[in-house]
Amino acid sequence: MKTSNAATVRFCLAALAAIPCAATVACTTDVTNDITIVDDGGAPATASSSTPAPTTTAPGTDAGAPAPSATGSDGGVPPPPPAPVFAGLFATGIDGNGNLLATGATDPHYVLAGDDPSNPGPAAIVIQPAPDGTYTPNTSTSQWISINAQGNAGDTTYTYTYRTTFTLNGDPTTASIAGSWACDDSCTVELNGTAVDAASYAAPGWLAPQTFTIPAGSPFQSGTNTLTFTVDNSGAWASGLQVFAITGSTGASSEAGSSM
């Protein structure tokens, strides 16, 4: 109900006419009262304000912060890089960072074995080229390795092997390896115990670098693989091996070893 009455009420103290007004009583004969009554039947009105009511958020959240995203999907922590297709292919005479080792140091990537009782290994030792000057030189990215610091096998016909391992993370059916090498006197390669017909260097194999290939279809396998470089000594005193470069590939991808 809504009612707006402006009623003029005239209070006439007629009933008290006979009673004189006391000096302390303010008598009036004309009192006007304006009375406004508003009633819409709802809840009592509340004060209005131009300031919006505060927004309530759940405890521990930030209404102004963006929603968290999945790791690595939109600028978060990036996923780790994929593993290299070939890992562990190294030229001879270098460390894990491709730096040349000192003469007399042990090559950490090749393990020596053979039938020479005086030089059974397993250390493959970095040497300078043979003192007679006939060896192809060391390079800035590879060096000769041998059975001892002098590279001296004596006047014998022993056979020496230098084994190295690598990891293949790609398709073994399309994998291949290419490289270049030199050796004294002659050398061949085996992959996982199988001779590679395309990889051999006949004596005199120490005069100049020559390329070798382990083609697709060779017995590569996923995971760890072993290359064995077999070096035959024909009776001269010196023996050694230098792998100048070694590169692996699968299909269209190609990854060099630590040195070229």
Protein backbone atom coordinates (compact mmCIF):
# COMPACT_ATOMS: atom_id res chain seq x y z
CA MET A 1 0.00 0.00 0.00
CA LYS A 2 1.22 3.48 -0.83
CA THR A 3 -0.46 6.49 0.78
CA SER A 4 0.61 10.08 0.64
CA ASN A 5 -1.49 12.33 2.87
CA ALA A 6 -0.75 15.94 3.52
CA ALA A 7 -3.29 16.50 6.22
CA THR A 8 -3.74 19.78 7.85
CA VAL A 9 -4.89 19.22 11.29
CA ARG A 10 -6.12 22.15 13.13
CA PHE A 11 -6.04 21.57 16.77
CA CYS A 12 -8.60 23.65 18.43
CA LEU A 13 -8.55 23.32 22.07
CA ALA A 14 -12.16 24.06 22.19
CA ALA A 15 -12.72 21.43 24.77
CA LEU A 16 -10.27 23.21 26.90
CA ALA A 17 -11.63 26.62 26.11
CA ALA A 18 -12.85 26.92 29.53
CA ILE A 19 -9.39 26.19 30.85
CA PRO A 20 -7.04 29.07 30.39
CA CYS A 21 -3.64 28.29 28.94
CA ALA A 22 -0.96 28.06 31.42
CA ALA A 23 1.90 30.35 31.03
CA THR A 24 4.25 27.43 30.50
CA VAL A 25 2.16 25.78 27.82
CA ALA A 26 2.59 26.84 24.22
CA CYS A 27 -0.92 26.85 22.87
CA THR A 28 -1.57 26.90 19.18
CA THR A 29 -4.63 26.90 17.16
CA ASP A 30 -2.98 26.23 13.82
CA VAL A 31 -0.54 23.28 13.69
CA THR A 32 0.22 21.75 10.36
CA ASN A 33 1.77 18.27 10.11
CA ASP A 34 2.82 16.79 6.77
CA ILE A 35 2.90 12.99 7.01
CA THR A 36 4.18 10.81 4.17
CA ILE A 37 3.81 7.06 4.44
CA VAL A 38 5.46 4.74 1.84
CA ASP A 39 4.77 1.03 1.98
CA ASP A 40 5.30 -1.27 -1.03
CA GLY A 41 4.83 -4.49 0.84
CA GLY A 42 8.45 -5.60 0.36
CA ALA A 43 11.56 -5.61 2.46
CA PRO A 44 12.59 -2.38 4.14
CA ALA A 45 14.46 -0.07 1.84
CA THR A 46 18.21 0.10 2.22
CA ALA A 47 20.59 2.91 1.56
CA SER A 48 21.82 3.09 -1.98
CA SER A 49 25.49 3.55 -2.91
CA SER A 50 27.43 4.23 -6.09
CA THR A 51 30.22 1.89 -4.92
CA PRO A 52 29.77 -1.68 -6.28
CA ALA A 53 29.62 -4.54 -3.84
CA PRO A 54 32.95 -6.37 -3.41
CA THR A 55 33.49 -9.58 -5.38
CA THR A 56 34.07 -12.65 -3.29
CA THR A 57 36.59 -15.25 -4.49
CA ALA A 58 37.45 -18.64 -3.16
CA PRO A 59 40.21 -18.73 -0.54
CA GLY A 60 43.73 -19.05 -1.99
CA THR A 61 42.83 -17.87 -5.49
CA ASP A 62 43.73 -14.72 -7.36
CA ALA A 63 40.90 -13.32 -9.43
CA GLY A 64 43.38 -11.25 -11.47
CA ALA A 65 45.81 -14.06 -12.28
CA PRO A 66 45.45 -16.17 -15.45
CA ALA A 67 44.42 -19.75 -15.07
CA PRO A 68 47.38 -22.12 -14.82
CA SER A 69 48.26 -24.01 -17.97
CA ALA A 70 49.58 -27.48 -18.61
CA THR A 71 53.36 -27.76 -18.37
CA GLY A 72 55.04 -27.05 -21.69
CA SER A 73 51.81 -26.35 -23.61
CA ASP A 74 51.78 -22.55 -23.77
CA GLY A 75 55.01 -21.05 -22.60
CA GLY A 76 55.47 -23.09 -19.44
CA VAL A 77 58.48 -25.32 -18.79
CA PRO A 78 59.54 -26.70 -22.19
CA PRO A 79 59.74 -30.47 -22.64
CA PRO A 80 63.24 -31.98 -22.76
CA PRO A 81 64.85 -32.20 -26.20
CA PRO A 82 64.60 -35.55 -27.96
CA ALA A 83 67.51 -37.95 -27.59
CA PRO A 84 70.02 -37.80 -30.47
CA VAL A 85 69.60 -40.50 -33.10
CA PHE A 86 73.27 -41.51 -32.68
CA ALA A 87 75.07 -40.93 -29.38
CA GLY A 88 78.66 -41.91 -28.66
CA LEU A 89 80.32 -41.73 -32.06
CA PHE A 90 83.81 -40.29 -31.55
CA ALA A 91 86.94 -39.83 -33.59
CA THR A 92 90.12 -41.19 -32.00
CA GLY A 93 92.33 -39.20 -29.65
CA ILE A 94 89.75 -36.74 -28.27
CA ASP A 95 87.81 -36.27 -25.06
CA GLY A 96 84.03 -36.10 -24.64
CA ASN A 97 83.98 -32.43 -25.71
CA GLY A 98 85.99 -32.98 -28.88
CA ASN A 99 89.26 -31.60 -27.45
CA LEU A 100 92.56 -33.26 -28.33
CA LEU A 101 94.03 -35.48 -25.62
CA ALA A 102 97.66 -35.23 -24.56
CA THR A 103 100.18 -37.63 -26.02
CA GLY A 104 100.31 -40.70 -23.78
CA ALA A 105 96.72 -40.22 -22.54
CA THR A 106 94.17 -43.04 -22.63
CA ASP A 107 91.40 -42.62 -25.17
CA PRO A 108 88.14 -42.86 -23.17
CA HIS A 109 86.06 -44.08 -26.13
CA TYR A 110 88.11 -46.99 -27.49
CA VAL A 111 89.10 -50.23 -25.71
CA LEU A 112 92.15 -52.18 -26.84
CA ALA A 113 92.38 -55.98 -27.03
CA GLY A 114 94.34 -58.48 -29.12
CA ASP A 115 96.68 -61.43 -29.13
CA ASP A 116 99.84 -59.54 -28.16
CA PRO A 117 100.78 -60.75 -24.63
CA SER A 118 103.03 -57.73 -24.12
CA ASN A 119 100.26 -55.24 -24.95
CA PRO A 120 96.95 -56.76 -23.90
CA GLY A 121 95.13 -53.46 -23.29
CA PRO A 122 92.54 -52.36 -22.38
CA ALA A 123 94.00 -48.84 -22.64
CA ALA A 124 94.27 -47.39 -26.14
CA ILE A 125 97.03 -44.76 -25.94
CA VAL A 126 97.30 -41.48 -27.88
CA ILE A 127 100.57 -41.27 -29.84
CA GLN A 128 102.35 -38.95 -32.20
CA PRO A 129 102.64 -40.26 -35.77
CA ALA A 130 105.48 -42.72 -36.39
CA PRO A 131 108.89 -41.03 -36.22
CA ASP A 132 109.87 -42.08 -39.72
CA GLY A 133 107.37 -39.52 -41.05
CA THR A 134 105.37 -41.98 -43.13
CA TYR A 135 102.16 -41.79 -41.06
CA THR A 136 99.49 -39.39 -42.21
CA PRO A 137 99.52 -36.58 -39.63
CA ASN A 138 97.24 -36.07 -36.68
CA THR A 139 94.62 -33.40 -37.27
CA SER A 140 93.03 -30.66 -35.17
CA THR A 141 90.09 -32.98 -34.45
CA SER A 142 91.62 -36.49 -34.30
CA GLN A 143 94.84 -38.35 -33.39
CA TRP A 144 96.49 -41.72 -33.74
CA ILE A 145 95.96 -44.27 -30.97
CA SER A 146 98.03 -47.39 -30.39
CA ILE A 147 99.01 -50.16 -28.00
CA ASN A 148 101.53 -48.10 -26.00
CA ALA A 149 102.90 -44.57 -25.86
CA GLN A 150 105.46 -45.31 -28.58
CA GLY A 151 103.09 -47.20 -30.86
CA ASN A 152 105.71 -49.94 -30.93
CA ALA A 153 104.48 -53.47 -31.61
CA GLY A 154 107.95 -54.86 -32.27
CA ASP A 155 108.81 -57.08 -35.19
CA THR A 156 105.68 -59.20 -34.81
CA THR A 157 102.52 -60.14 -36.65
CA TYR A 158 99.96 -59.54 -33.91
CA THR A 159 96.36 -58.44 -34.40
CA TYR A 160 94.87 -55.60 -32.36
CA THR A 161 91.24 -54.58 -31.94
CA TYR A 162 89.84 -51.19 -30.90
CA ARG A 163 86.24 -51.38 -29.73
CA THR A 164 83.88 -48.47 -29.30
CA THR A 165 80.16 -48.39 -28.48
CA PHE A 166 77.36 -46.02 -29.47
CA THR A 167 73.63 -45.74 -28.91
CA LEU A 168 71.10 -45.80 -31.75
CA ASN A 169 67.73 -44.19 -30.99
CA GLY A 170 66.43 -44.23 -34.56
CA ASP A 171 65.24 -46.86 -37.00
CA PRO A 172 67.95 -49.57 -37.23
CA THR A 173 66.69 -50.73 -40.61
CA THR A 174 67.61 -47.40 -42.23
CA ALA A 175 70.73 -46.64 -40.16
CA SER A 176 74.15 -46.23 -41.74
CA ILE A 177 77.59 -44.91 -40.78
CA ALA A 178 80.24 -43.19 -42.86
CA GLY A 179 83.70 -42.06 -41.86
CA SER A 180 87.36 -41.81 -42.71
CA TRP A 181 90.35 -43.60 -41.20
CA ALA A 182 93.96 -44.71 -41.47
CA CYS A 183 95.73 -47.69 -39.87
CA ASP A 184 99.00 -49.62 -39.68
CA ASP A 185 99.19 -52.00 -41.44
CA SER A 186 95.63 -52.85 -42.61
CA CYS A 187 92.20 -52.70 -40.98
CA THR A 188 88.62 -53.92 -41.14
CA VAL A 189 85.39 -53.15 -39.23
CA GLU A 190 82.78 -55.31 -37.55
CA LEU A 191 79.35 -54.11 -36.44
CA ASN A 192 77.91 -56.07 -33.52
CA GLY A 193 80.22 -58.98 -34.34
CA THR A 194 79.51 -59.08 -38.08
CA ALA A 195 82.18 -58.11 -40.61
CA VAL A 196 81.28 -55.15 -42.81
CA ASP A 197 82.37 -55.90 -46.37
CA ALA A 198 82.25 -52.24 -47.38
CA ALA A 199 84.68 -51.20 -44.63
CA SER A 200 88.26 -52.37 -45.13
CA TYR A 201 91.62 -50.72 -45.79
CA ALA A 202 94.47 -52.83 -47.17
CA ALA A 203 98.12 -52.21 -46.35
CA PRO A 204 99.73 -49.76 -46.46
CA GLY A 205 96.83 -48.11 -44.61
CA TRP A 206 98.91 -45.48 -42.82
CA LEU A 207 99.84 -43.20 -45.70
CA ALA A 208 96.59 -41.26 -46.19
CA PRO A 209 93.00 -41.06 -44.92
CA GLN A 210 90.48 -43.26 -46.68
CA THR A 211 86.71 -43.33 -46.39
CA PHE A 212 84.72 -46.27 -45.07
CA THR A 213 80.99 -47.07 -45.06
CA ILE A 214 78.70 -49.22 -42.94
CA PRO A 215 75.61 -49.24 -45.16
CA ALA A 216 71.92 -49.49 -44.33
CA GLY A 217 70.93 -53.12 -43.94
CA SER A 218 73.95 -53.87 -41.77
CA PRO A 219 73.14 -55.44 -38.39
CA PHE A 220 72.34 -52.22 -36.52
CA GLN A 221 70.13 -52.59 -33.47
CA SER A 222 68.14 -50.24 -31.28
CA GLY A 223 70.08 -49.22 -28.19
CA THR A 224 73.73 -50.13 -27.70
CA ASN A 225 75.87 -51.09 -30.70
CA THR A 226 79.54 -52.08 -30.90
CA LEU A 227 82.04 -51.18 -33.60
CA THR A 228 85.27 -53.19 -33.69
CA PHE A 229 88.21 -51.86 -35.69
CA THR A 230 90.66 -54.72 -36.27
CA VAL A 231 94.24 -53.73 -37.16
CA ASP A 232 96.74 -56.31 -38.47
CA ASN A 233 100.47 -55.79 -38.05
CA SER A 234 102.54 -57.40 -40.77
CA GLY A 235 105.83 -57.44 -38.86
CA ALA A 236 107.08 -53.84 -38.89
CA TRP A 237 107.51 -52.29 -35.46
CA ALA A 238 104.72 -49.66 -35.53
CA SER A 239 100.95 -50.17 -35.23
CA GLY A 240 98.05 -47.82 -34.77
CA LEU A 241 94.62 -46.52 -35.79
CA GLN A 242 93.25 -43.07 -36.52
CA VAL A 243 89.54 -42.46 -37.09
CA PHE A 244 89.39 -38.96 -38.55
CA ALA A 245 85.60 -38.68 -38.73
CA ILE A 246 82.53 -40.81 -38.12
CA THR A 247 78.91 -39.93 -38.89
CA GLY A 248 75.65 -41.83 -38.39
CA SER A 249 72.35 -41.32 -40.18
CA THR A 250 68.87 -42.83 -40.40
CA GLY A 251 66.74 -42.03 -43.43
CA ALA A 252 66.92 -38.28 -44.02
CA SER A 253 68.53 -37.46 -40.66
CA SER A 254 72.27 -37.25 -40.12
CA GLU A 255 74.34 -36.80 -36.98
CA ALA A 256 78.10 -36.44 -36.88
CA GLY A 257 80.28 -37.92 -34.23
CA SER A 258 82.09 -35.68 -31.79
CA SER A 259 84.73 -34.89 -34.37
CA MET A 260 84.97 -34.56 -38.13
